[in-house]
């Protein structure tokens, strides 16, 4: 029976590793398509929806952290699953917006421009990295491997929280330039 458990763990680790590589590569490939798809004017609201999603994700992450510190496991699990599901909705909205709309150039000048690009680049790079940590955290939490869950969340939570908050800041900085 022990061999089966080890095999199952290895199988899920492979799936997590494949997803953690495939998701960013697929998103980059989709975004690299130059020809835009006409989905309608409703897609113009998606950056605002994405801003709300990032805001809610940050709130849910903080609440999930507070709840686990208070030993409220069910509330913690609810908040973290809500944040995880919002991540999936974010990904769909992000792709829909970028396949149907041209990128909006940032119009700020001076030192604020450097701050914007620092936040944007760090946000993008860490959003790629965090996928692996989040998938592992969810898997370990869901399978009640709490020691491994704690190890994964030690990295996942701060990176995911940074990605969510920096996403909101980047959105607020570029939103005046949306057409």
C-alpha atoms as a PDB file:
ATOM      1  CA  UNK A   1       0.000   0.000   0.000  1.00  0.00           C
ATOM      2  CA  UNK A   2       2.868   2.401   0.753  1.00  0.00           C
ATOM      3  CA  UNK A   3       4.201   2.079  -2.825  1.00  0.00           C
ATOM      4  CA  UNK A   4       0.818   3.165  -4.196  1.00  0.00           C
ATOM      5  CA  UNK A   5       0.858   6.267  -2.007  1.00  0.00           C
ATOM      6  CA  UNK A   6       4.372   7.170  -3.145  1.00  0.00           C
ATOM      7  CA  UNK A   7       3.348   6.588  -6.778  1.00  0.00           C
ATOM      8  CA  UNK A   8       0.248   8.767  -6.349  1.00  0.00           C
ATOM      9  CA  UNK A   9       2.326  11.540  -4.778  1.00  0.00           C
ATOM     10  CA  UNK A  10       4.818  11.382  -7.637  1.00  0.00           C
ATOM     11  CA  UNK A  11       1.971  11.472 -10.157  1.00  0.00           C
ATOM     12  CA  UNK A  12       0.448  14.598  -8.594  1.00  0.00           C
ATOM     13  CA  UNK A  13       3.848  16.267  -8.332  1.00  0.00           C
ATOM     14  CA  UNK A  14       4.379  15.669 -12.065  1.00  0.00           C
ATOM     15  CA  UNK A  15       0.950  17.129 -12.823  1.00  0.00           C
ATOM     16  CA  UNK A  16       1.719  20.202 -10.693  1.00  0.00           C
ATOM     17  CA  UNK A  17       5.102  20.657 -12.385  1.00  0.00           C
ATOM     18  CA  UNK A  18       3.579  20.294 -15.850  1.00  0.00           C
ATOM     19  CA  UNK A  19       0.800  22.785 -15.067  1.00  0.00           C
ATOM     20  CA  UNK A  20       3.254  25.240 -13.504  1.00  0.00           C
ATOM     21  CA  UNK A  21       5.221  25.236 -16.762  1.00  0.00           C
ATOM     22  CA  UNK A  22       2.343  24.925 -19.204  1.00  0.00           C
ATOM     23  CA  UNK A  23       0.143  27.726 -17.851  1.00  0.00           C
ATOM     24  CA  UNK A  24       2.701  30.558 -18.223  1.00  0.00           C
ATOM     25  CA  UNK A  25       3.942  29.225 -21.567  1.00  0.00           C
ATOM     26  CA  UNK A  26       0.384  28.944 -22.902  1.00  0.00           C
ATOM     27  CA  UNK A  27      -0.485  32.441 -21.689  1.00  0.00           C
ATOM     28  CA  UNK A  28       2.680  33.865 -23.286  1.00  0.00           C
ATOM     29  CA  UNK A  29       1.901  32.067 -26.549  1.00  0.00           C
ATOM     30  CA  UNK A  30      -1.680  33.315 -26.575  1.00  0.00           C
ATOM     31  CA  UNK A  31      -0.571  36.866 -25.799  1.00  0.00           C
ATOM     32  CA  UNK A  32       2.067  36.655 -28.507  1.00  0.00           C
ATOM     33  CA  UNK A  33      -0.588  36.343 -31.193  1.00  0.00           C
ATOM     34  CA  UNK A  34      -0.588  39.677 -33.024  1.00  0.00           C
ATOM     35  CA  UNK A  35      -4.003  39.341 -34.674  1.00  0.00           C
ATOM     36  CA  UNK A  36      -6.708  40.385 -32.221  1.00  0.00           C
ATOM     37  CA  UNK A  37      -9.982  38.484 -31.948  1.00  0.00           C
ATOM     38  CA  UNK A  38     -13.164  40.572 -32.059  1.00  0.00           C
ATOM     39  CA  UNK A  39     -15.129  39.642 -28.944  1.00  0.00           C
ATOM     40  CA  UNK A  40     -17.107  42.846 -28.594  1.00  0.00           C
ATOM     41  CA  UNK A  41     -16.860  46.046 -26.638  1.00  0.00           C
ATOM     42  CA  UNK A  42     -17.724  44.290 -23.364  1.00  0.00           C
ATOM     43  CA  UNK A  43     -14.059  43.252 -23.140  1.00  0.00           C
ATOM     44  CA  UNK A  44     -13.134  46.890 -22.463  1.00  0.00           C
ATOM     45  CA  UNK A  45     -14.406  46.466 -18.870  1.00  0.00           C
ATOM     46  CA  UNK A  46     -12.181  43.472 -18.185  1.00  0.00           C
ATOM     47  CA  UNK A  47      -9.221  45.489 -16.795  1.00  0.00           C
ATOM     48  CA  UNK A  48     -11.599  46.879 -14.170  1.00  0.00           C
ATOM     49  CA  UNK A  49     -12.919  43.382 -13.413  1.00  0.00           C
ATOM     50  CA  UNK A  50      -9.319  42.163 -13.124  1.00  0.00           C
ATOM     51  CA  UNK A  51      -8.557  44.999 -10.684  1.00  0.00           C
ATOM     52  CA  UNK A  52     -11.487  43.913  -8.518  1.00  0.00           C
ATOM     53  CA  UNK A  53     -10.418  40.258  -8.747  1.00  0.00           C
ATOM     54  CA  UNK A  54      -6.874  41.129  -7.623  1.00  0.00           C
ATOM     55  CA  UNK A  55      -8.251  43.231  -4.773  1.00  0.00           C
ATOM     56  CA  UNK A  56     -10.564  40.456  -3.592  1.00  0.00           C
ATOM     57  CA  UNK A  57      -7.785  37.892  -3.911  1.00  0.00           C
ATOM     58  CA  UNK A  58      -5.551  39.978  -1.638  1.00  0.00           C
ATOM     59  CA  UNK A  59      -8.381  40.342   0.903  1.00  0.00           C
ATOM     60  CA  UNK A  60      -9.103  36.594   0.836  1.00  0.00           C
ATOM     61  CA  UNK A  61      -5.405  35.762   1.256  1.00  0.00           C
ATOM     62  CA  UNK A  62      -5.099  38.021   4.297  1.00  0.00           C
ATOM     63  CA  UNK A  63      -8.342  36.678   5.789  1.00  0.00           C
ATOM     64  CA  UNK A  64      -7.187  33.109   5.140  1.00  0.00           C
ATOM     65  CA  UNK A  65      -3.936  33.859   6.960  1.00  0.00           C
ATOM     66  CA  UNK A  66      -5.792  35.414   9.888  1.00  0.00           C
ATOM     67  CA  UNK A  67      -8.214  32.495  10.075  1.00  0.00           C
ATOM     68  CA  UNK A  68      -5.487  29.856  10.166  1.00  0.00           C
ATOM     69  CA  UNK A  69      -3.664  31.777  12.904  1.00  0.00           C
ATOM     70  CA  UNK A  70      -6.962  31.694  14.827  1.00  0.00           C
ATOM     71  CA  UNK A  71      -7.165  27.941  14.110  1.00  0.00           C
ATOM     72  CA  UNK A  72     -10.379  28.406  12.124  1.00  0.00           C
ATOM     73  CA  UNK A  73      -9.549  25.749   9.520  1.00  0.00           C
ATOM     74  CA  UNK A  74     -12.871  25.768   7.670  1.00  0.00           C
ATOM     75  CA  UNK A  75     -12.871  29.554   7.302  1.00  0.00           C
ATOM     76  CA  UNK A  76      -9.216  29.391   6.212  1.00  0.00           C
ATOM     77  CA  UNK A  77      -9.983  26.733   3.610  1.00  0.00           C
ATOM     78  CA  UNK A  78     -12.959  28.740   2.303  1.00  0.00           C
ATOM     79  CA  UNK A  79     -10.885  31.899   1.885  1.00  0.00           C
ATOM     80  CA  UNK A  80      -7.997  30.113   0.219  1.00  0.00           C
ATOM     81  CA  UNK A  81     -10.248  28.220  -2.184  1.00  0.00           C
ATOM     82  CA  UNK A  82     -12.023  31.490  -3.014  1.00  0.00           C
ATOM     83  CA  UNK A  83      -8.634  33.087  -3.749  1.00  0.00           C
ATOM     84  CA  UNK A  84      -7.654  30.069  -5.870  1.00  0.00           C
ATOM     85  CA  UNK A  85     -10.903  30.179  -7.857  1.00  0.00           C
ATOM     86  CA  UNK A  86     -10.506  33.931  -8.353  1.00  0.00           C
ATOM     87  CA  UNK A  87      -7.058  33.172  -9.759  1.00  0.00           C
ATOM     88  CA  UNK A  88      -8.682  30.968 -12.387  1.00  0.00           C
ATOM     89  CA  UNK A  89     -11.280  33.644 -13.205  1.00  0.00           C
ATOM     90  CA  UNK A  90      -8.493  36.229 -13.377  1.00  0.00           C
ATOM     91  CA  UNK A  91      -6.609  34.082 -15.889  1.00  0.00           C
ATOM     92  CA  UNK A  92      -9.657  33.740 -18.138  1.00  0.00           C
ATOM     93  CA  UNK A  93     -10.415  37.495 -17.985  1.00  0.00           C
ATOM     94  CA  UNK A  94      -6.764  38.389 -18.587  1.00  0.00           C
ATOM     95  CA  UNK A  95      -6.559  36.185 -21.674  1.00  0.00           C
ATOM     96  CA  UNK A  96      -9.916  37.383 -23.032  1.00  0.00           C
ATOM     97  CA  UNK A  97      -8.874  41.011 -22.648  1.00  0.00           C
ATOM     98  CA  UNK A  98      -5.441  40.615 -24.211  1.00  0.00           C
ATOM     99  CA  UNK A  99      -6.542  38.506 -27.183  1.00  0.00           C
ATOM    100  CA  UNK A 100      -9.182  41.085 -28.065  1.00  0.00           C
ATOM    101  CA  UNK A 101      -7.561  44.429 -27.221  1.00  0.00           C
ATOM    102  CA  UNK A 102      -4.290  46.157 -27.963  1.00  0.00           C
ATOM    103  CA  UNK A 103      -1.988  46.711 -25.005  1.00  0.00           C
ATOM    104  CA  UNK A 104      -2.409  50.068 -23.339  1.00  0.00           C
ATOM    105  CA  UNK A 105       0.832  52.048 -23.190  1.00  0.00           C
ATOM    106  CA  UNK A 106       1.677  53.635 -19.859  1.00  0.00           C
ATOM    107  CA  UNK A 107       1.559  57.414 -20.150  1.00  0.00           C
ATOM    108  CA  UNK A 108       3.235  58.459 -16.925  1.00  0.00           C
ATOM    109  CA  UNK A 109       6.447  60.470 -17.093  1.00  0.00           C
ATOM    110  CA  UNK A 110       9.416  60.976 -14.820  1.00  0.00           C
ATOM    111  CA  UNK A 111      10.336  58.754 -11.891  1.00  0.00           C
ATOM    112  CA  UNK A 112       6.774  57.370 -11.621  1.00  0.00           C
ATOM    113  CA  UNK A 113       7.436  55.611 -14.920  1.00  0.00           C
ATOM    114  CA  UNK A 114      10.313  53.646 -13.357  1.00  0.00           C
ATOM    115  CA  UNK A 115       8.144  52.713 -10.397  1.00  0.00           C
ATOM    116  CA  UNK A 116       5.380  51.538 -12.742  1.00  0.00           C
ATOM    117  CA  UNK A 117       7.708  49.372 -14.811  1.00  0.00           C
ATOM    118  CA  UNK A 118       9.412  47.941 -11.728  1.00  0.00           C
ATOM    119  CA  UNK A 119       6.023  46.952 -10.319  1.00  0.00           C
ATOM    120  CA  UNK A 120       4.813  45.617 -13.663  1.00  0.00           C
ATOM    121  CA  UNK A 121       7.913  43.524 -14.366  1.00  0.00           C
ATOM    122  CA  UNK A 122       8.153  42.147 -10.824  1.00  0.00           C
ATOM    123  CA  UNK A 123       4.403  41.424 -10.918  1.00  0.00           C
ATOM    124  CA  UNK A 124       4.703  39.482 -14.181  1.00  0.00           C
ATOM    125  CA  UNK A 125       7.805  37.512 -13.153  1.00  0.00           C
ATOM    126  CA  UNK A 126       6.425  36.589  -9.747  1.00  0.00           C
ATOM    127  CA  UNK A 127       3.027  35.679 -11.225  1.00  0.00           C
ATOM    128  CA  UNK A 128       4.861  33.030 -13.238  1.00  0.00           C
ATOM    129  CA  UNK A 129       6.779  31.731 -10.215  1.00  0.00           C
ATOM    130  CA  UNK A 130       3.809  31.679  -7.846  1.00  0.00           C
ATOM    131  CA  UNK A 131       1.810  29.190  -9.936  1.00  0.00           C
ATOM    132  CA  UNK A 132       4.011  26.294  -8.782  1.00  0.00           C
ATOM    133  CA  UNK A 133       3.835  27.299  -5.121  1.00  0.00           C
ATOM    134  CA  UNK A 134       0.066  27.841  -5.196  1.00  0.00           C
ATOM    135  CA  UNK A 135      -0.633  24.523  -6.898  1.00  0.00           C
ATOM    136  CA  UNK A 136       1.548  22.723  -4.348  1.00  0.00           C
ATOM    137  CA  UNK A 137      -0.070  24.582  -1.450  1.00  0.00           C
ATOM    138  CA  UNK A 138      -3.558  23.710  -2.633  1.00  0.00           C
ATOM    139  CA  UNK A 139      -2.630  20.079  -3.264  1.00  0.00           C
ATOM    140  CA  UNK A 140      -0.948  19.625   0.113  1.00  0.00           C
ATOM    141  CA  UNK A 141      -3.774  21.397   1.925  1.00  0.00           C
ATOM    142  CA  UNK A 142      -6.452  19.435   0.100  1.00  0.00           C
ATOM    143  CA  UNK A 143      -4.717  16.104   0.818  1.00  0.00           C
ATOM    144  CA  UNK A 144      -4.140  17.113   4.463  1.00  0.00           C
ATOM    145  CA  UNK A 145      -0.332  16.949   4.174  1.00  0.00           C
ATOM    146  CA  UNK A 146      -0.070  19.853   6.575  1.00  0.00           C
ATOM    147  CA  UNK A 147       3.698  19.807   7.075  1.00  0.00           C
ATOM    148  CA  UNK A 148       4.270  20.062   3.326  1.00  0.00           C
ATOM    149  CA  UNK A 149       1.415  22.574   3.045  1.00  0.00           C
ATOM    150  CA  UNK A 150       3.119  24.864   5.579  1.00  0.00           C
ATOM    151  CA  UNK A 151       6.445  24.623   3.716  1.00  0.00           C
ATOM    152  CA  UNK A 152       4.810  25.525   0.401  1.00  0.00           C
ATOM    153  CA  UNK A 153       2.699  28.359   1.828  1.00  0.00           C
ATOM    154  CA  UNK A 154       5.747  29.923   3.467  1.00  0.00           C
ATOM    155  CA  UNK A 155       6.638  30.941  -0.107  1.00  0.00           C
ATOM    156  CA  UNK A 156       3.245  30.944  -1.796  1.00  0.00           C
ATOM    157  CA  UNK A 157       1.482  33.402   0.494  1.00  0.00           C
ATOM    158  CA  UNK A 158       3.919  36.340   0.368  1.00  0.00           C
ATOM    159  CA  UNK A 159       4.525  35.953  -3.363  1.00  0.00           C
ATOM    160  CA  UNK A 160       0.822  35.565  -4.161  1.00  0.00           C
ATOM    161  CA  UNK A 161      -0.058  38.515  -1.938  1.00  0.00           C
ATOM    162  CA  UNK A 162       2.608  40.649  -3.650  1.00  0.00           C
ATOM    163  CA  UNK A 163       1.313  39.624  -7.084  1.00  0.00           C
ATOM    164  CA  UNK A 164      -2.261  40.492  -6.103  1.00  0.00           C
ATOM    165  CA  UNK A 165      -1.435  43.848  -4.520  1.00  0.00           C
ATOM    166  CA  UNK A 166       1.054  44.876  -7.209  1.00  0.00           C
ATOM    167  CA  UNK A 167      -1.586  43.939  -9.801  1.00  0.00           C
ATOM    168  CA  UNK A 168      -3.994  46.398  -8.193  1.00  0.00           C
ATOM    169  CA  UNK A 169      -1.344  49.130  -8.040  1.00  0.00           C
ATOM    170  CA  UNK A 170      -0.357  48.578 -11.686  1.00  0.00           C
ATOM    171  CA  UNK A 171      -4.042  48.674 -12.647  1.00  0.00           C
ATOM    172  CA  UNK A 172      -4.586  51.949 -10.745  1.00  0.00           C
ATOM    173  CA  UNK A 173      -1.486  53.467 -12.363  1.00  0.00           C
ATOM    174  CA  UNK A 174      -2.448  52.546 -15.933  1.00  0.00           C
ATOM    175  CA  UNK A 175      -6.238  52.923 -15.682  1.00  0.00           C
ATOM    176  CA  UNK A 176      -6.225  56.634 -16.647  1.00  0.00           C
ATOM    177  CA  UNK A 177      -4.712  55.603 -19.995  1.00  0.00           C
ATOM    178  CA  UNK A 178      -7.365  53.068 -21.000  1.00  0.00           C
ATOM    179  CA  UNK A 179      -9.405  54.258 -23.970  1.00  0.00           C
END
